[in-house]
Amino acid sequence: MAKTYGSIIYRPTTNMYTHDGAVVGGGFELSESSYYRPVPVSRPKLTTALYDYAVSLGISVKFGMRVVDYEESTEAEQAIAITDQGERFDVDIVVAADGIGSKAEKIMTGQHIEAISSGWSIYRVTYPTHILQQDAFLTEEYSFNDRDRDYCEVYISPKGQAIVLGPRELTTWLFTHEVRIPIFRIFHS
């Protein structure tokens, strides 16, 4: 798994700019080994790698099930996941990855903790790079074909940031901005 992880993490050359394109700094590279600290990684690649690794170990992975409860058996040293259909699964580990407003948190701790707004929001989108290469402006602006390394461009402003992260096969754009309307309250009211 360590070899696979090493092949899917980004080690971008990073350049930083102001929002109007003035150079702040650049050519920063992650040249040392990054196995011991967090680094950018493609979510689709990480999900695929974790799935493939679990299957290679003979672990059964089930999709399309809704876990509504969780129990622990101290005698058997196992967890029990219970679905909305009443199915019970004795497991060694439960991975709760349902994000902000997690139902798993309430199942695990008996409490629900409300999200607290940081005042910032992020919009992320990832495209296969070959789709972006079909656009003349983007192909001229970002040299998709001539890269030896992953790259990252960070544009900063007082009201947000834009990041373009580009390994060869996928390009991710991230836009961080101040939140004017607390969106999470709309969904939780």
N, C-alpha and C. Protein backbone atom coordinates (compact mmCIF):
# COMPACT_ATOMS: atom_id res chain seq x y z
N MET A 1 0.83 -1.20 0.00
CA MET A 1 0.00 0.00 0.00
C MET A 1 0.87 1.25 0.00
N ALA A 2 2.02 1.20 0.70
CA ALA A 2 2.89 2.37 0.74
C ALA A 2 3.39 2.72 -0.67
N LYS A 3 3.69 1.71 -1.48
CA LYS A 3 4.15 1.96 -2.85
C LYS A 3 3.02 2.60 -3.67
N THR A 4 1.80 2.08 -3.52
CA THR A 4 0.65 2.65 -4.23
C THR A 4 0.42 4.09 -3.79
N TYR A 5 0.44 4.32 -2.47
CA TYR A 5 0.25 5.68 -1.95
C TYR A 5 1.30 6.62 -2.53
N GLY A 6 2.55 6.17 -2.57
CA GLY A 6 3.63 6.98 -3.13
C GLY A 6 3.41 7.34 -4.58
N SER A 7 2.68 6.47 -5.29
CA SER A 7 2.45 6.73 -6.72
C SER A 7 1.24 7.63 -6.98
N ILE A 8 0.36 7.82 -5.98
CA ILE A 8 -0.85 8.62 -6.23
C ILE A 8 -0.82 9.99 -5.55
N ILE A 9 0.15 10.23 -4.68
CA ILE A 9 0.21 11.56 -4.06
C ILE A 9 0.79 12.55 -5.05
N TYR A 10 0.44 13.81 -4.87
CA TYR A 10 0.98 14.87 -5.70
C TYR A 10 2.26 15.39 -5.06
N ARG A 11 3.24 15.63 -5.88
CA ARG A 11 4.45 16.31 -5.44
C ARG A 11 4.64 17.49 -6.39
N PRO A 12 3.77 18.48 -6.25
CA PRO A 12 3.76 19.55 -7.25
C PRO A 12 4.87 20.58 -7.07
N THR A 13 5.24 21.16 -8.20
CA THR A 13 6.01 22.40 -8.18
C THR A 13 4.96 23.49 -8.01
N THR A 14 5.10 24.32 -6.97
CA THR A 14 4.08 25.31 -6.65
C THR A 14 4.57 26.72 -6.94
N ASN A 15 3.71 27.49 -7.59
CA ASN A 15 3.97 28.91 -7.85
C ASN A 15 2.82 29.70 -7.24
N MET A 16 3.15 30.84 -6.64
CA MET A 16 2.13 31.66 -6.00
C MET A 16 2.04 33.02 -6.66
N TYR A 17 0.79 33.50 -6.80
CA TYR A 17 0.52 34.76 -7.48
C TYR A 17 -0.52 35.56 -6.68
N THR A 18 -0.55 36.87 -6.91
CA THR A 18 -1.67 37.66 -6.40
C THR A 18 -2.83 37.42 -7.35
N HIS A 19 -4.01 37.90 -6.97
CA HIS A 19 -5.21 37.68 -7.78
C HIS A 19 -5.09 38.26 -9.19
N ASP A 20 -4.22 39.26 -9.38
CA ASP A 20 -4.07 39.86 -10.71
C ASP A 20 -2.88 39.28 -11.49
N GLY A 21 -2.27 38.22 -10.96
CA GLY A 21 -1.22 37.52 -11.70
C GLY A 21 0.21 37.90 -11.36
N ALA A 22 0.42 38.86 -10.44
CA ALA A 22 1.78 39.23 -10.05
C ALA A 22 2.41 38.07 -9.27
N VAL A 23 3.66 37.77 -9.56
CA VAL A 23 4.35 36.64 -8.93
C VAL A 23 4.67 36.97 -7.47
N VAL A 24 4.29 36.08 -6.57
CA VAL A 24 4.63 36.20 -5.16
C VAL A 24 5.87 35.35 -4.88
N GLY A 25 5.90 34.18 -5.44
CA GLY A 25 7.04 33.27 -5.27
C GLY A 25 6.78 32.02 -6.06
N GLY A 26 7.81 31.24 -6.23
CA GLY A 26 7.53 30.05 -6.98
C GLY A 26 8.68 29.12 -7.16
N GLY A 27 8.31 28.04 -7.77
CA GLY A 27 9.25 26.97 -7.96
C GLY A 27 9.45 26.13 -6.72
N PHE A 28 8.51 26.26 -5.75
CA PHE A 28 8.61 25.46 -4.53
C PHE A 28 8.29 24.01 -4.87
N GLU A 29 9.14 23.09 -4.41
CA GLU A 29 8.92 21.68 -4.70
C GLU A 29 8.95 20.86 -3.43
N LEU A 30 8.17 19.80 -3.42
CA LEU A 30 8.26 18.81 -2.36
C LEU A 30 9.30 17.80 -2.82
N SER A 31 10.55 18.03 -2.47
CA SER A 31 11.62 17.18 -2.97
C SER A 31 11.93 16.02 -2.05
N GLU A 32 11.66 16.18 -0.76
CA GLU A 32 11.95 15.10 0.17
C GLU A 32 10.78 14.11 0.22
N SER A 33 11.05 12.95 0.79
CA SER A 33 10.01 11.93 0.92
C SER A 33 8.84 12.48 1.71
N SER A 34 7.63 12.19 1.26
CA SER A 34 6.44 12.75 1.90
C SER A 34 5.59 11.69 2.58
N TYR A 35 6.13 10.53 2.86
CA TYR A 35 5.34 9.45 3.45
C TYR A 35 4.96 9.71 4.90
N TYR A 36 5.64 10.62 5.56
CA TYR A 36 5.43 10.84 6.98
C TYR A 36 4.58 12.06 7.28
N ARG A 37 4.08 12.75 6.28
CA ARG A 37 3.26 13.93 6.55
C ARG A 37 2.17 14.06 5.49
N PRO A 38 1.13 14.82 5.79
CA PRO A 38 0.03 14.95 4.82
C PRO A 38 0.50 15.63 3.54
N VAL A 39 0.00 15.12 2.43
CA VAL A 39 0.28 15.69 1.12
C VAL A 39 -0.99 15.65 0.30
N PRO A 40 -1.07 16.46 -0.75
CA PRO A 40 -2.26 16.40 -1.61
C PRO A 40 -2.38 15.03 -2.29
N VAL A 41 -3.61 14.56 -2.38
CA VAL A 41 -3.86 13.29 -3.05
C VAL A 41 -5.21 13.37 -3.75
N SER A 42 -5.30 12.73 -4.88
CA SER A 42 -6.56 12.68 -5.62
C SER A 42 -7.56 11.81 -4.86
N ARG A 43 -8.72 12.36 -4.55
CA ARG A 43 -9.73 11.56 -3.84
C ARG A 43 -10.16 10.33 -4.62
N PRO A 44 -10.43 10.46 -5.94
CA PRO A 44 -10.81 9.25 -6.68
C PRO A 44 -9.71 8.18 -6.66
N LYS A 45 -8.45 8.61 -6.79
CA LYS A 45 -7.35 7.65 -6.77
C LYS A 45 -7.19 7.01 -5.39
N LEU A 46 -7.35 7.81 -4.34
CA LEU A 46 -7.23 7.27 -2.99
C LEU A 46 -8.34 6.26 -2.71
N THR A 47 -9.56 6.59 -3.10
CA THR A 47 -10.68 5.67 -2.90
C THR A 47 -10.43 4.36 -3.64
N THR A 48 -9.99 4.45 -4.88
CA THR A 48 -9.70 3.25 -5.66
C THR A 48 -8.58 2.44 -5.03
N ALA A 49 -7.52 3.11 -4.58
CA ALA A 49 -6.39 2.42 -3.96
C ALA A 49 -6.81 1.70 -2.68
N LEU A 50 -7.61 2.36 -1.84
CA LEU A 50 -8.07 1.73 -0.60
C LEU A 50 -8.97 0.54 -0.90
N TYR A 51 -9.86 0.68 -1.86
CA TYR A 51 -10.74 -0.42 -2.25
C TYR A 51 -9.92 -1.60 -2.78
N ASP A 52 -9.01 -1.33 -3.70
CA ASP A 52 -8.18 -2.39 -4.27
C ASP A 52 -7.36 -3.09 -3.20
N TYR A 53 -6.83 -2.33 -2.25
CA TYR A 53 -6.03 -2.92 -1.18
C TYR A 53 -6.89 -3.81 -0.29
N ALA A 54 -8.06 -3.33 0.08
CA ALA A 54 -8.96 -4.13 0.91
C ALA A 54 -9.31 -5.44 0.21
N VAL A 55 -9.66 -5.37 -1.05
CA VAL A 55 -10.02 -6.57 -1.82
C VAL A 55 -8.82 -7.51 -1.91
N SER A 56 -7.61 -6.97 -2.10
CA SER A 56 -6.42 -7.82 -2.18
C SER A 56 -6.15 -8.57 -0.88
N LEU A 57 -6.63 -8.04 0.23
CA LEU A 57 -6.48 -8.70 1.53
C LEU A 57 -7.63 -9.67 1.82
N GLY A 58 -8.56 -9.77 0.87
CA GLY A 58 -9.70 -10.67 1.06
C GLY A 58 -10.83 -10.06 1.87
N ILE A 59 -10.81 -8.75 2.02
CA ILE A 59 -11.86 -8.06 2.77
C ILE A 59 -13.05 -7.83 1.86
N SER A 60 -14.22 -8.21 2.34
CA SER A 60 -15.44 -8.01 1.58
C SER A 60 -15.90 -6.56 1.75
N VAL A 61 -16.17 -5.91 0.63
CA VAL A 61 -16.64 -4.52 0.67
C VAL A 61 -18.05 -4.50 0.09
N LYS A 62 -18.98 -3.90 0.82
CA LYS A 62 -20.37 -3.83 0.37
C LYS A 62 -20.75 -2.36 0.16
N PHE A 63 -21.49 -2.12 -0.92
CA PHE A 63 -21.92 -0.77 -1.25
C PHE A 63 -23.45 -0.71 -1.20
N GLY A 64 -23.98 0.51 -1.15
CA GLY A 64 -25.42 0.72 -1.23
C GLY A 64 -26.17 0.33 0.03
N MET A 65 -25.48 0.29 1.14
CA MET A 65 -26.12 -0.04 2.41
C MET A 65 -26.10 1.20 3.30
N ARG A 66 -27.13 1.35 4.08
CA ARG A 66 -27.22 2.50 4.98
C ARG A 66 -27.10 2.01 6.42
N VAL A 67 -25.97 2.31 7.05
CA VAL A 67 -25.75 1.91 8.44
C VAL A 67 -26.46 2.92 9.33
N VAL A 68 -27.33 2.42 10.22
CA VAL A 68 -28.11 3.30 11.08
C VAL A 68 -27.76 3.13 12.56
N ASP A 69 -26.99 2.10 12.88
CA ASP A 69 -26.61 1.91 14.27
C ASP A 69 -25.28 1.16 14.32
N TYR A 70 -24.68 1.20 15.49
CA TYR A 70 -23.36 0.64 15.68
C TYR A 70 -23.28 0.13 17.11
N GLU A 71 -22.68 -1.02 17.28
CA GLU A 71 -22.48 -1.58 18.62
C GLU A 71 -21.05 -2.09 18.71
N GLU A 72 -20.59 -2.27 19.94
CA GLU A 72 -19.28 -2.87 20.15
C GLU A 72 -19.44 -4.10 21.01
N SER A 73 -18.69 -5.13 20.68
CA SER A 73 -18.67 -6.36 21.48
C SER A 73 -17.28 -6.47 22.09
N THR A 74 -17.17 -6.21 23.40
CA THR A 74 -15.87 -6.27 24.05
C THR A 74 -15.39 -7.71 24.17
N GLU A 75 -16.33 -8.67 24.29
CA GLU A 75 -15.93 -10.07 24.38
C GLU A 75 -15.30 -10.54 23.07
N ALA A 76 -15.95 -10.23 21.96
CA ALA A 76 -15.47 -10.66 20.65
C ALA A 76 -14.45 -9.70 20.06
N GLU A 77 -14.25 -8.55 20.73
CA GLU A 77 -13.37 -7.50 20.23
C GLU A 77 -13.71 -7.15 18.78
N GLN A 78 -15.01 -6.96 18.55
CA GLN A 78 -15.48 -6.59 17.23
C GLN A 78 -16.52 -5.50 17.33
N ALA A 79 -16.73 -4.87 16.19
CA ALA A 79 -17.80 -3.89 16.05
C ALA A 79 -18.94 -4.55 15.31
N ILE A 80 -20.12 -4.03 15.50
CA ILE A 80 -21.30 -4.53 14.79
C ILE A 80 -21.96 -3.34 14.12
N ALA A 81 -22.05 -3.40 12.81
CA ALA A 81 -22.74 -2.37 12.05
C ALA A 81 -24.12 -2.88 11.70
N ILE A 82 -25.15 -2.07 11.93
CA ILE A 82 -26.54 -2.48 11.70
C ILE A 82 -27.14 -1.57 10.63
N THR A 83 -27.70 -2.18 9.58
CA THR A 83 -28.25 -1.41 8.47
C THR A 83 -29.71 -1.08 8.69
N ASP A 84 -30.24 -0.21 7.83
CA ASP A 84 -31.66 0.15 7.91
C ASP A 84 -32.56 -1.03 7.54
N GLN A 85 -32.01 -2.08 6.96
CA GLN A 85 -32.77 -3.29 6.64
C GLN A 85 -32.67 -4.34 7.75
N GLY A 86 -32.01 -3.96 8.86
CA GLY A 86 -31.88 -4.87 10.00
C GLY A 86 -30.74 -5.86 9.88
N GLU A 87 -29.95 -5.75 8.83
CA GLU A 87 -28.80 -6.65 8.68
C GLU A 87 -27.73 -6.25 9.69
N ARG A 88 -27.06 -7.26 10.25
CA ARG A 88 -25.99 -7.02 11.22
C ARG A 88 -24.69 -7.58 10.66
N PHE A 89 -23.66 -6.76 10.71
CA PHE A 89 -22.35 -7.18 10.21
C PHE A 89 -21.34 -7.08 11.33
N ASP A 90 -20.73 -8.24 11.67
CA ASP A 90 -19.63 -8.26 12.64
C ASP A 90 -18.36 -7.88 11.89
N VAL A 91 -17.72 -6.82 12.32
CA VAL A 91 -16.57 -6.29 11.60
C VAL A 91 -15.43 -5.96 12.55
N ASP A 92 -14.24 -5.89 12.01
CA ASP A 92 -13.08 -5.51 12.83
C ASP A 92 -12.96 -4.00 12.95
N ILE A 93 -13.42 -3.30 11.93
CA ILE A 93 -13.30 -1.84 11.92
C ILE A 93 -14.47 -1.24 11.16
N VAL A 94 -14.93 -0.09 11.62
CA VAL A 94 -15.96 0.67 10.93
C VAL A 94 -15.33 2.00 10.52
N VAL A 95 -15.41 2.32 9.24
CA VAL A 95 -14.91 3.59 8.74
C VAL A 95 -16.12 4.50 8.53
N ALA A 96 -16.18 5.56 9.32
CA ALA A 96 -17.29 6.51 9.20
C ALA A 96 -16.75 7.72 8.46
N ALA A 97 -17.19 7.88 7.21
CA ALA A 97 -16.67 8.96 6.37
C ALA A 97 -17.83 9.73 5.76
N ASP A 98 -18.78 10.13 6.60
CA ASP A 98 -19.96 10.81 6.07
C ASP A 98 -19.92 12.32 6.24
N GLY A 99 -18.77 12.88 6.62
CA GLY A 99 -18.54 14.31 6.55
C GLY A 99 -19.23 15.15 7.61
N ILE A 100 -19.37 16.44 7.29
CA ILE A 100 -19.96 17.42 8.20
C ILE A 100 -21.39 17.02 8.53
N GLY A 101 -21.78 17.17 9.79
CA GLY A 101 -23.11 16.76 10.20
C GLY A 101 -23.22 15.25 10.27
N SER A 102 -22.12 14.60 10.53
CA SER A 102 -22.00 13.15 10.51
C SER A 102 -23.03 12.45 11.40
N LYS A 103 -23.75 11.52 10.79
CA LYS A 103 -24.65 10.67 11.58
C LYS A 103 -23.82 9.66 12.38
N ALA A 104 -22.67 9.30 11.86
CA ALA A 104 -21.80 8.35 12.55
C ALA A 104 -21.36 8.89 13.90
N GLU A 105 -21.13 10.18 13.97
CA GLU A 105 -20.71 10.79 15.22
C GLU A 105 -21.75 10.55 16.31
N LYS A 106 -23.01 10.74 15.97
CA LYS A 106 -24.08 10.52 16.94
C LYS A 106 -24.17 9.04 17.33
N ILE A 107 -24.01 8.16 16.34
CA ILE A 107 -24.04 6.73 16.63
C ILE A 107 -22.88 6.36 17.57
N MET A 108 -21.70 6.90 17.31
CA MET A 108 -20.50 6.55 18.08
C MET A 108 -20.49 7.17 19.47
N THR A 109 -20.88 8.44 19.57
CA THR A 109 -20.73 9.16 20.84
C THR A 109 -22.04 9.42 21.56
N GLY A 110 -23.17 9.24 20.85
CA GLY A 110 -24.45 9.55 21.44
C GLY A 110 -24.78 11.03 21.38
N GLN A 111 -23.90 11.84 20.80
CA GLN A 111 -24.10 13.28 20.71
C GLN A 111 -23.96 13.73 19.27
N HIS A 112 -24.67 14.79 18.94
CA HIS A 112 -24.49 15.41 17.63
C HIS A 112 -23.88 16.78 17.85
N ILE A 113 -22.77 17.03 17.18
CA ILE A 113 -22.09 18.31 17.31
C ILE A 113 -22.36 19.10 16.05
N GLU A 114 -22.91 20.28 16.21
CA GLU A 114 -23.23 21.15 15.07
C GLU A 114 -21.96 21.68 14.43
N ALA A 115 -21.98 21.80 13.14
CA ALA A 115 -20.88 22.41 12.41
C ALA A 115 -20.79 23.89 12.78
N ILE A 116 -19.58 24.39 12.82
CA ILE A 116 -19.35 25.80 13.11
C ILE A 116 -18.71 26.41 11.87
N SER A 117 -19.29 27.46 11.36
CA SER A 117 -18.77 28.08 10.16
C SER A 117 -17.43 28.76 10.42
N SER A 118 -16.49 28.53 9.52
CA SER A 118 -15.20 29.21 9.60
C SER A 118 -15.28 30.57 8.90
N GLY A 119 -16.41 30.79 8.20
CA GLY A 119 -16.55 32.02 7.43
C GLY A 119 -16.02 31.85 6.00
N TRP A 120 -15.57 30.64 5.69
CA TRP A 120 -15.00 30.35 4.37
C TRP A 120 -15.69 29.13 3.78
N SER A 121 -15.72 29.10 2.46
CA SER A 121 -16.28 27.95 1.75
C SER A 121 -15.35 27.61 0.60
N ILE A 122 -15.41 26.38 0.15
CA ILE A 122 -14.55 25.98 -0.96
C ILE A 122 -15.37 25.25 -2.01
N TYR A 123 -15.08 25.53 -3.24
CA TYR A 123 -15.68 24.84 -4.37
C TYR A 123 -14.55 24.08 -5.05
N ARG A 124 -14.72 22.77 -5.23
CA ARG A 124 -13.70 21.95 -5.87
C ARG A 124 -14.29 21.28 -7.09
N VAL A 125 -13.48 21.19 -8.13
CA VAL A 125 -13.90 20.45 -9.31
C VAL A 125 -12.66 19.80 -9.91
N THR A 126 -12.81 18.55 -10.33
CA THR A 126 -11.71 17.83 -10.95
C THR A 126 -12.17 17.34 -12.32
N TYR A 127 -11.34 17.58 -13.30
CA TYR A 127 -11.62 17.15 -14.67
C TYR A 127 -10.49 16.26 -15.17
N PRO A 128 -10.81 15.31 -16.03
CA PRO A 128 -9.73 14.63 -16.74
C PRO A 128 -8.99 15.68 -17.58
N THR A 129 -7.69 15.72 -17.49
CA THR A 129 -6.91 16.75 -18.16
C THR A 129 -7.15 16.77 -19.67
N HIS A 130 -7.39 15.61 -20.27
CA HIS A 130 -7.60 15.58 -21.72
C HIS A 130 -8.81 16.41 -22.14
N ILE A 131 -9.80 16.56 -21.29
CA ILE A 131 -10.95 17.41 -21.61
C ILE A 131 -10.53 18.88 -21.65
N LEU A 132 -9.70 19.29 -20.68
CA LEU A 132 -9.24 20.67 -20.65
C LEU A 132 -8.32 20.98 -21.83
N GLN A 133 -7.60 19.97 -22.31
CA GLN A 133 -6.69 20.17 -23.45
C GLN A 133 -7.44 20.49 -24.74
N GLN A 134 -8.73 20.28 -24.76
CA GLN A 134 -9.53 20.58 -25.95
C GLN A 134 -9.83 22.08 -26.06
N ASP A 135 -9.57 22.84 -25.01
CA ASP A 135 -9.81 24.28 -25.01
C ASP A 135 -8.50 25.01 -25.34
N ALA A 136 -8.51 25.80 -26.41
CA ALA A 136 -7.30 26.49 -26.87
C ALA A 136 -6.72 27.42 -25.80
N PHE A 137 -7.59 28.20 -25.12
CA PHE A 137 -7.11 29.14 -24.10
C PHE A 137 -6.44 28.38 -22.96
N LEU A 138 -7.09 27.34 -22.45
CA LEU A 138 -6.52 26.59 -21.32
C LEU A 138 -5.23 25.89 -21.71
N THR A 139 -5.17 25.35 -22.92
CA THR A 139 -3.96 24.67 -23.38
C THR A 139 -2.80 25.65 -23.48
N GLU A 140 -3.08 26.88 -23.90
CA GLU A 140 -2.02 27.89 -23.97
C GLU A 140 -1.62 28.36 -22.57
N GLU A 141 -2.60 28.54 -21.70
CA GLU A 141 -2.35 29.04 -20.34
C GLU A 141 -1.63 28.01 -19.48
N TYR A 142 -2.00 26.75 -19.60
CA TYR A 142 -1.42 25.67 -18.80
C TYR A 142 -0.81 24.65 -19.75
N SER A 143 0.49 24.48 -19.67
CA SER A 143 1.17 23.58 -20.60
C SER A 143 0.94 22.13 -20.20
N PHE A 144 -0.25 21.64 -20.48
CA PHE A 144 -0.64 20.29 -20.08
C PHE A 144 0.27 19.21 -20.66
N ASN A 145 0.78 19.42 -21.86
CA ASN A 145 1.55 18.37 -22.53
C ASN A 145 3.02 18.33 -22.13
N ASP A 146 3.56 19.41 -21.63
CA ASP A 146 4.99 19.51 -21.42
C ASP A 146 5.41 19.39 -19.95
N ARG A 147 4.62 18.74 -19.13
CA ARG A 147 4.95 18.68 -17.70
C ARG A 147 5.70 17.41 -17.35
N ASP A 148 6.78 17.57 -16.61
CA ASP A 148 7.48 16.42 -16.05
C ASP A 148 6.93 16.11 -14.66
N ARG A 149 6.46 17.14 -14.00
CA ARG A 149 6.00 17.01 -12.61
C ARG A 149 4.58 17.53 -12.50
N ASP A 150 3.96 17.18 -11.38
CA ASP A 150 2.69 17.80 -11.05
C ASP A 150 2.97 19.28 -10.79
N TYR A 151 1.97 20.11 -10.94
CA TYR A 151 2.17 21.52 -10.67
C TYR A 151 0.99 22.06 -9.89
N CYS A 152 1.24 23.17 -9.23
CA CYS A 152 0.20 23.82 -8.44
C CYS A 152 0.39 25.32 -8.59
N GLU A 153 -0.68 26.01 -8.94
CA GLU A 153 -0.67 27.47 -8.99
C GLU A 153 -1.66 27.96 -7.95
N VAL A 154 -1.21 28.87 -7.11
CA VAL A 154 -2.04 29.43 -6.06
C VAL A 154 -2.18 30.93 -6.31
N TYR A 155 -3.41 31.39 -6.43
CA TYR A 155 -3.72 32.81 -6.61
C TYR A 155 -4.37 33.29 -5.32
N ILE A 156 -3.80 34.30 -4.70
CA ILE A 156 -4.30 34.75 -3.40
C ILE A 156 -4.85 36.17 -3.49
N SER A 157 -5.89 36.41 -2.69
CA SER A 157 -6.46 37.74 -2.58
C SER A 157 -7.02 37.88 -1.17
N PRO A 158 -7.35 39.08 -0.75
CA PRO A 158 -7.91 39.25 0.59
C PRO A 158 -9.23 38.51 0.80
N LYS A 159 -9.95 38.21 -0.28
CA LYS A 159 -11.27 37.60 -0.14
C LYS A 159 -11.32 36.15 -0.58
N GLY A 160 -10.18 35.55 -0.86
CA GLY A 160 -10.20 34.15 -1.24
C GLY A 160 -8.94 33.72 -1.96
N GLN A 161 -8.96 32.46 -2.36
CA GLN A 161 -7.85 31.89 -3.09
C GLN A 161 -8.39 31.03 -4.22
N ALA A 162 -7.58 30.90 -5.25
CA ALA A 162 -7.88 29.96 -6.33
C ALA A 162 -6.63 29.10 -6.48
N ILE A 163 -6.83 27.80 -6.58
CA ILE A 163 -5.72 26.87 -6.71
C ILE A 163 -5.98 25.99 -7.92
N VAL A 164 -4.97 25.84 -8.75
CA VAL A 164 -5.03 24.92 -9.87
C VAL A 164 -3.98 23.86 -9.59
N LEU A 165 -4.42 22.62 -9.43
CA LEU A 165 -3.53 21.51 -9.12
C LEU A 165 -3.59 20.54 -10.27
N GLY A 166 -2.45 20.29 -10.91
CA GLY A 166 -2.50 19.50 -12.12
C GLY A 166 -1.49 18.39 -12.22
N PRO A 167 -1.88 17.19 -11.87
CA PRO A 167 -1.08 16.05 -12.31
C PRO A 167 -1.43 15.78 -13.77
N ARG A 168 -0.74 14.88 -14.40
CA ARG A 168 -0.93 14.67 -15.84
C ARG A 168 -2.35 14.28 -16.23
N GLU A 169 -2.98 13.39 -15.51
CA GLU A 169 -4.27 12.86 -15.97
C GLU A 169 -5.49 13.57 -15.41
N LEU A 170 -5.36 14.26 -14.29
CA LEU A 170 -6.49 14.99 -13.69
C LEU A 170 -6.04 16.41 -13.36
N THR A 171 -6.94 17.36 -13.51
CA THR A 171 -6.66 18.73 -13.09
C THR A 171 -7.77 19.15 -12.14
N THR A 172 -7.38 19.71 -10.99
CA THR A 172 -8.35 20.12 -9.98
C THR A 172 -8.26 21.63 -9.81
N TRP A 173 -9.42 22.26 -9.77
CA TRP A 173 -9.51 23.68 -9.47
C TRP A 173 -10.23 23.81 -8.14
N LEU A 174 -9.68 24.63 -7.26
CA LEU A 174 -10.27 24.88 -5.95
C LEU A 174 -10.45 26.38 -5.79
N PHE A 175 -11.63 26.80 -5.40
CA PHE A 175 -11.91 28.22 -5.18
C PHE A 175 -12.40 28.39 -3.75
N THR A 176 -11.62 29.09 -2.96
CA THR A 176 -11.97 29.35 -1.58
C THR A 176 -12.46 30.79 -1.50
N HIS A 177 -13.56 31.02 -0.79
CA HIS A 177 -14.10 32.38 -0.72
C HIS A 177 -14.79 32.59 0.62
N GLU A 178 -14.92 33.86 0.97
CA GLU A 178 -15.65 34.21 2.19
C GLU A 178 -17.12 33.84 2.01
N VAL A 179 -17.73 33.38 3.08
CA VAL A 179 -19.15 33.04 3.04
C VAL A 179 -19.94 34.24 3.51
N ARG A 180 -20.88 34.68 2.69
CA ARG A 180 -21.71 35.82 3.09
C ARG A 180 -23.00 35.34 3.75
N ILE A 181 -23.49 34.19 3.32
CA ILE A 181 -24.70 33.60 3.90
C ILE A 181 -24.27 32.27 4.51
N PRO A 182 -24.53 32.06 5.78
CA PRO A 182 -24.13 30.78 6.38
C PRO A 182 -24.96 29.63 5.81
N ILE A 183 -24.47 29.03 4.73
CA ILE A 183 -25.18 27.98 4.00
C ILE A 183 -25.55 26.82 4.91
N PHE A 184 -24.66 26.41 5.81
CA PHE A 184 -24.94 25.23 6.62
C PHE A 184 -26.18 25.44 7.49
N ARG A 185 -26.51 26.67 7.84
CA ARG A 185 -27.71 26.92 8.67
C ARG A 185 -28.99 26.73 7.85
N ILE A 186 -28.90 27.01 6.55
CA ILE A 186 -30.07 26.80 5.69
C ILE A 186 -30.45 25.33 5.69
N PHE A 187 -29.45 24.44 5.60
CA PHE A 187 -29.72 23.01 5.53
C PHE A 187 -30.03 22.40 6.89
N HIS A 188 -29.60 23.02 7.98
CA HIS A 188 -29.81 22.46 9.31
C HIS A 188 -30.95 23.10 10.07
N SER A 189 -31.69 24.05 9.46
CA SER A 189 -32.76 24.71 10.20
C SER A 189 -34.01 23.88 10.19
